[in-house]
Amino acid sequence: MKITSYEQLNKLIAESLGWQTGIELIDQGKFKTKVEFYYPGDIEEDRRERWYDEFGVAPDFANELWTVEAFLIPECDRQRLVTQITITPTMVSCGIKPLVADERSTGMAVTGEKGIPKSIPLAVCLAWLRFKGVNFELELPAEERL
């Protein structure tokens, strides 16, 4: 699969976390548009009603470190996974693997090379998807890169 936008990447992260989908009706005068969005299943009803207004289709996992810290890292902890982030002057790498070796494989990703912007949240997201077994090729448009 080719990942060609951050929105697509963020949706994949939400899906891989097992998030639920909701529908937001957007009133555009004469027309109403339905937009599908992702939210964690364990949030309270009143928060779910505001979720789309706060996060849009999905939180911006790939660009905002706090979303990785709020949603991805706790899921790694819950699954007893080791998340290792290495930062150098030119790149960021991330590895995600089981704390105790089992049948699951390690997810690895490097940013800051091959045209991929150097980014902690992006490295964690890409490593997470690889850990979850998602085969992808990253082809983000130049204007959409960090």
C-alpha atoms as a PDB file:
ATOM      1  CA  MET A   1       0.000   0.000   0.000  1.00  0.00           C
ATOM      2  CA  LYS A   2       1.171   3.518  -0.732  1.00  0.00           C
ATOM      3  CA  ILE A   3       0.696   6.171   1.937  1.00  0.00           C
ATOM      4  CA  THR A   4       0.355   9.439   0.055  1.00  0.00           C
ATOM      5  CA  SER A   5      -0.954  11.859   2.720  1.00  0.00           C
ATOM      6  CA  TYR A   6      -0.774  12.529   6.432  1.00  0.00           C
ATOM      7  CA  GLU A   7      -4.557  12.151   6.646  1.00  0.00           C
ATOM      8  CA  GLN A   8      -4.274   8.627   5.238  1.00  0.00           C
ATOM      9  CA  LEU A   9      -1.436   7.846   7.664  1.00  0.00           C
ATOM     10  CA  ASN A  10      -3.407   9.179  10.642  1.00  0.00           C
ATOM     11  CA  LYS A  11      -6.453   7.096   9.639  1.00  0.00           C
ATOM     12  CA  LEU A  12      -4.264   3.979   9.442  1.00  0.00           C
ATOM     13  CA  ILE A  13      -2.933   4.660  12.939  1.00  0.00           C
ATOM     14  CA  ALA A  14      -6.479   5.084  14.306  1.00  0.00           C
ATOM     15  CA  GLU A  15      -7.601   1.864  12.601  1.00  0.00           C
ATOM     16  CA  SER A  16      -4.558  -0.029  13.906  1.00  0.00           C
ATOM     17  CA  LEU A  17      -5.427   1.132  17.434  1.00  0.00           C
ATOM     18  CA  GLY A  18      -8.862  -0.449  17.001  1.00  0.00           C
ATOM     19  CA  TRP A  19     -10.678   2.868  17.235  1.00  0.00           C
ATOM     20  CA  GLN A  20     -14.340   3.142  16.348  1.00  0.00           C
ATOM     21  CA  THR A  21     -15.796   5.258  13.578  1.00  0.00           C
ATOM     22  CA  GLY A  22     -18.416   7.930  13.964  1.00  0.00           C
ATOM     23  CA  ILE A  23     -20.293  10.174  11.567  1.00  0.00           C
ATOM     24  CA  GLU A  24     -20.303  13.960  11.823  1.00  0.00           C
ATOM     25  CA  LEU A  25     -22.930  15.908   9.897  1.00  0.00           C
ATOM     26  CA  ILE A  26     -21.487  19.146   8.587  1.00  0.00           C
ATOM     27  CA  ASP A  27     -24.042  21.780   7.648  1.00  0.00           C
ATOM     28  CA  GLN A  28     -23.000  23.748   4.570  1.00  0.00           C
ATOM     29  CA  GLY A  29     -26.092  25.894   4.092  1.00  0.00           C
ATOM     30  CA  LYS A  30     -28.363  24.027   1.697  1.00  0.00           C
ATOM     31  CA  PHE A  31     -26.299  20.882   1.901  1.00  0.00           C
ATOM     32  CA  LYS A  32     -25.236  18.554   4.687  1.00  0.00           C
ATOM     33  CA  THR A  33     -22.131  16.448   4.332  1.00  0.00           C
ATOM     34  CA  LYS A  34     -21.366  13.275   6.275  1.00  0.00           C
ATOM     35  CA  VAL A  35     -17.773  12.892   7.426  1.00  0.00           C
ATOM     36  CA  GLU A  36     -16.466   9.684   8.964  1.00  0.00           C
ATOM     37  CA  PHE A  37     -14.076  10.144  11.893  1.00  0.00           C
ATOM     38  CA  TYR A  38     -12.154   7.912  14.308  1.00  0.00           C
ATOM     39  CA  TYR A  39     -12.307   7.965  18.096  1.00  0.00           C
ATOM     40  CA  PRO A  40     -11.202   5.667  20.941  1.00  0.00           C
ATOM     41  CA  GLY A  41     -14.016   3.401  22.066  1.00  0.00           C
ATOM     42  CA  ASP A  42     -13.448   4.067  25.754  1.00  0.00           C
ATOM     43  CA  ILE A  43     -14.188   7.801  25.778  1.00  0.00           C
ATOM     44  CA  GLU A  44     -17.307   9.137  27.442  1.00  0.00           C
ATOM     45  CA  GLU A  45     -20.373  10.070  25.392  1.00  0.00           C
ATOM     46  CA  ASP A  46     -20.083  13.849  25.893  1.00  0.00           C
ATOM     47  CA  ARG A  47     -16.411  13.782  24.852  1.00  0.00           C
ATOM     48  CA  ARG A  48     -17.260  11.692  21.771  1.00  0.00           C
ATOM     49  CA  GLU A  49     -19.750  14.354  20.692  1.00  0.00           C
ATOM     50  CA  ARG A  50     -16.933  16.947  20.673  1.00  0.00           C
ATOM     51  CA  TRP A  51     -14.232  14.624  19.296  1.00  0.00           C
ATOM     52  CA  TYR A  52     -14.580  15.610  15.623  1.00  0.00           C
ATOM     53  CA  ASP A  53     -14.486  19.323  16.493  1.00  0.00           C
ATOM     54  CA  GLU A  54     -11.236  18.790  18.412  1.00  0.00           C
ATOM     55  CA  PHE A  55      -9.431  16.287  16.174  1.00  0.00           C
ATOM     56  CA  GLY A  56     -11.113  16.172  12.766  1.00  0.00           C
ATOM     57  CA  VAL A  57     -11.093  12.838  10.959  1.00  0.00           C
ATOM     58  CA  ALA A  58      -8.299  11.524  13.233  1.00  0.00           C
ATOM     59  CA  PRO A  59      -5.728  13.077  15.570  1.00  0.00           C
ATOM     60  CA  ASP A  60      -2.582  14.254  13.791  1.00  0.00           C
ATOM     61  CA  PHE A  61      -0.459  11.380  15.072  1.00  0.00           C
ATOM     62  CA  ALA A  62       2.246  11.832  12.431  1.00  0.00           C
ATOM     63  CA  ASN A  63       2.958  15.498  13.218  1.00  0.00           C
ATOM     64  CA  GLU A  64       2.033  16.132  16.854  1.00  0.00           C
ATOM     65  CA  LEU A  65       4.177  14.479  19.515  1.00  0.00           C
ATOM     66  CA  TRP A  66       1.543  14.896  22.222  1.00  0.00           C
ATOM     67  CA  THR A  67      -0.900  12.641  20.306  1.00  0.00           C
ATOM     68  CA  VAL A  68       1.757   9.923  20.143  1.00  0.00           C
ATOM     69  CA  GLU A  69       2.338  10.354  23.893  1.00  0.00           C
ATOM     70  CA  ALA A  70      -1.401  10.370  24.643  1.00  0.00           C
ATOM     71  CA  PHE A  71      -2.495   7.419  22.494  1.00  0.00           C
ATOM     72  CA  LEU A  72       0.293   5.330  20.915  1.00  0.00           C
ATOM     73  CA  ILE A  73       2.801   5.066  23.771  1.00  0.00           C
ATOM     74  CA  PRO A  74       0.118   4.056  26.327  1.00  0.00           C
ATOM     75  CA  GLU A  75      -1.051   1.347  23.894  1.00  0.00           C
ATOM     76  CA  CYS A  76       2.532   0.099  23.621  1.00  0.00           C
ATOM     77  CA  ASP A  77       2.692   0.018  27.430  1.00  0.00           C
ATOM     78  CA  ARG A  78      -0.641  -1.818  27.625  1.00  0.00           C
ATOM     79  CA  GLN A  79       0.669  -4.453  25.195  1.00  0.00           C
ATOM     80  CA  ARG A  80       3.975  -4.730  27.101  1.00  0.00           C
ATOM     81  CA  LEU A  81       6.032  -3.403  24.203  1.00  0.00           C
ATOM     82  CA  VAL A  82       9.415  -1.710  24.308  1.00  0.00           C
ATOM     83  CA  THR A  83       9.555   1.552  22.373  1.00  0.00           C
ATOM     84  CA  GLN A  84      13.065   2.800  21.671  1.00  0.00           C
ATOM     85  CA  ILE A  85      13.642   6.180  20.041  1.00  0.00           C
ATOM     86  CA  THR A  86      17.103   7.238  18.873  1.00  0.00           C
ATOM     87  CA  ILE A  87      17.804  10.829  17.843  1.00  0.00           C
ATOM     88  CA  THR A  88      20.922  11.985  16.003  1.00  0.00           C
ATOM     89  CA  PRO A  89      21.644  15.335  14.338  1.00  0.00           C
ATOM     90  CA  THR A  90      20.349  13.986  11.014  1.00  0.00           C
ATOM     91  CA  MET A  91      17.732  11.349  11.789  1.00  0.00           C
ATOM     92  CA  VAL A  92      15.214   9.877  14.222  1.00  0.00           C
ATOM     93  CA  SER A  93      14.688   6.134  14.428  1.00  0.00           C
ATOM     94  CA  CYS A  94      12.120   4.165  16.368  1.00  0.00           C
ATOM     95  CA  GLY A  95      11.862   0.497  17.190  1.00  0.00           C
ATOM     96  CA  ILE A  96       8.846  -1.204  18.753  1.00  0.00           C
ATOM     97  CA  LYS A  97       9.104  -4.798  19.959  1.00  0.00           C
ATOM     98  CA  PRO A  98       7.635  -7.104  22.620  1.00  0.00           C
ATOM     99  CA  LEU A  99       9.150  -6.790  26.097  1.00  0.00           C
ATOM    100  CA  VAL A 100       9.421 -10.584  26.158  1.00  0.00           C
ATOM    101  CA  ALA A 101      10.211 -12.202  22.808  1.00  0.00           C
ATOM    102  CA  ASP A 102       7.186 -13.855  21.214  1.00  0.00           C
ATOM    103  CA  GLU A 103       5.826 -14.475  17.716  1.00  0.00           C
ATOM    104  CA  ARG A 104       5.343 -10.752  17.030  1.00  0.00           C
ATOM    105  CA  SER A 105       7.965  -9.018  14.934  1.00  0.00           C
ATOM    106  CA  THR A 106       9.810  -5.770  15.568  1.00  0.00           C
ATOM    107  CA  GLY A 107       8.614  -2.584  13.884  1.00  0.00           C
ATOM    108  CA  MET A 108      11.431  -0.273  12.813  1.00  0.00           C
ATOM    109  CA  ALA A 109      11.373   3.118  11.099  1.00  0.00           C
ATOM    110  CA  VAL A 110      13.852   5.884  10.312  1.00  0.00           C
ATOM    111  CA  THR A 111      13.044   9.492   9.462  1.00  0.00           C
ATOM    112  CA  GLY A 112      15.425  12.171   8.236  1.00  0.00           C
ATOM    113  CA  GLU A 113      16.642  10.223   5.223  1.00  0.00           C
ATOM    114  CA  LYS A 114      15.360   9.171   1.790  1.00  0.00           C
ATOM    115  CA  GLY A 115      13.235  12.309   1.618  1.00  0.00           C
ATOM    116  CA  ILE A 116      11.335  11.498   4.821  1.00  0.00           C
ATOM    117  CA  PRO A 117      11.301  14.473   7.207  1.00  0.00           C
ATOM    118  CA  LYS A 118      13.133  14.074  10.530  1.00  0.00           C
ATOM    119  CA  SER A 119      10.334  13.702  13.065  1.00  0.00           C
ATOM    120  CA  ILE A 120       9.803  11.845  16.338  1.00  0.00           C
ATOM    121  CA  PRO A 121       6.031  11.392  15.958  1.00  0.00           C
ATOM    122  CA  LEU A 122       6.390  10.273  12.333  1.00  0.00           C
ATOM    123  CA  ALA A 123       9.084   7.726  13.270  1.00  0.00           C
ATOM    124  CA  VAL A 124       6.896   6.290  16.052  1.00  0.00           C
ATOM    125  CA  CYS A 125       3.865   6.097  13.737  1.00  0.00           C
ATOM    126  CA  LEU A 126       5.780   4.330  10.983  1.00  0.00           C
ATOM    127  CA  ALA A 127       7.371   1.884  13.447  1.00  0.00           C
ATOM    128  CA  TRP A 128       3.926   1.181  14.960  1.00  0.00           C
ATOM    129  CA  LEU A 129       2.426   0.370  11.560  1.00  0.00           C
ATOM    130  CA  ARG A 130       5.354  -1.913  10.729  1.00  0.00           C
ATOM    131  CA  PHE A 131       4.986  -3.606  14.120  1.00  0.00           C
ATOM    132  CA  LYS A 132       1.284  -4.153  13.358  1.00  0.00           C
ATOM    133  CA  GLY A 133       2.278  -5.833  10.077  1.00  0.00           C
ATOM    134  CA  VAL A 134       1.146  -3.086   7.709  1.00  0.00           C
ATOM    135  CA  ASN A 135       3.214  -3.194   4.515  1.00  0.00           C
ATOM    136  CA  PHE A 136       3.500   0.274   3.054  1.00  0.00           C
ATOM    137  CA  GLU A 137       5.547   2.582   0.901  1.00  0.00           C
ATOM    138  CA  LEU A 138       5.699   6.213   2.031  1.00  0.00           C
ATOM    139  CA  GLU A 139       5.130   8.738  -0.760  1.00  0.00           C
ATOM    140  CA  LEU A 140       4.098  11.976   0.909  1.00  0.00           C
ATOM    141  CA  PRO A 141       3.846  14.968  -1.442  1.00  0.00           C
ATOM    142  CA  ALA A 142       6.663  17.486  -0.968  1.00  0.00           C
ATOM    143  CA  GLU A 143       4.292  20.297   0.019  1.00  0.00           C
ATOM    144  CA  GLU A 144       2.723  18.128   2.704  1.00  0.00           C
ATOM    145  CA  ARG A 145       5.950  17.201   4.425  1.00  0.00           C
ATOM    146  CA  LEU A 146       6.929  18.727   7.751  1.00  0.00           C
END
